[in-house]
C-alpha cells in the first residue's frame, strides 16, 4: 500500500535518473522525498492535464493498481502507464522550475521571483503555469511575455481561462524590453606557423564564421585567401566578412615572413 504523498514525492525525486532533458536531470534535495503535505501534492497534481491527473490521483492517492485504473477508465494498460509516466514528468518539470519547493506557499514565492525577473522577450514555457493555461496560450501561438500582453479577449479561443490570462497580463504589465548586450568582438588570430596548406582549424575566428566557411568548402589557408568578398556564403554578413578579411591579412602577412 502506497503512502500518500510520500510515495509520489519519492517517485518524483527518483525520476531525474532517467530524464533526458537538462532541467529534469537536476537532482532535488534528499528532503524532497520526505515531504508530507497532501495539500501540496494535490496542488502539484492539479497543474497537469486532467487525463494525467486522474491516473496519478488514482494510483498514488486512492491506491489503485494500474490494471484497476485501466478497467475503471476502459483503457489499455500501455495507455495508463504512459499517462502516469507523462504525468510524473510534467509535475516534476513544474516542481523543478520553481526550485523544488516543499509547500504551495514556497512554490508561489519562487514563481513570483521568476515573474519579477522576466522581460518582454522571456519565454512563457519557462514558467510552471498549469497546463490548461499553457495549452490555451499554445493554441494562440503565444510564446513570450510580449505575445501575452498583446492578447485581446475577443480573439482568445478559450474563454474558460481568460480570467487567468488577465491575471498574468496584470503580473507582467510592467515588463521591460530585454537589455541589449554589447557584441563581444572575436580576437582573430592563427595558432602556429602558416602555409598555404595550413588547415583553417588553426585560424581562430567566431564559431559562426568558421562553420559557414567550412560548409562553403573552405578547408585550407589557400582556400581562404582565394575568397574575394563577392561570394554569397550562407550566414555570413558584414561583420562576418570583416573577420574573414582580417584573417586573410593575418595569413598573407605570416606566409610572406
Foldseek 3Di string as FASTA:
>chain_A
DADPPLVLQVCLQPQLVPDDDPLSVDHADPCSSVQDDNVQVLVLLQQEDPVLSVLCCCVHVVVDDLVRVCVVVVHDSVVSVVSPVVSSVLSSSQCSLLPNDSGPVSSVVSLLVVLVPFAQADFPVSHSGRVVVVVQCVVVVQTGLVSLLPDDQVPRPDNVCVVVSVVSNVSCVPHHHDDDDDDDAWDWDFPDAADQAAFCVRTDHDPQLVVQCVVVPDTGLVSLLPDDPPDDGPPADDSSVVSSVVNNVNRVVRHVD
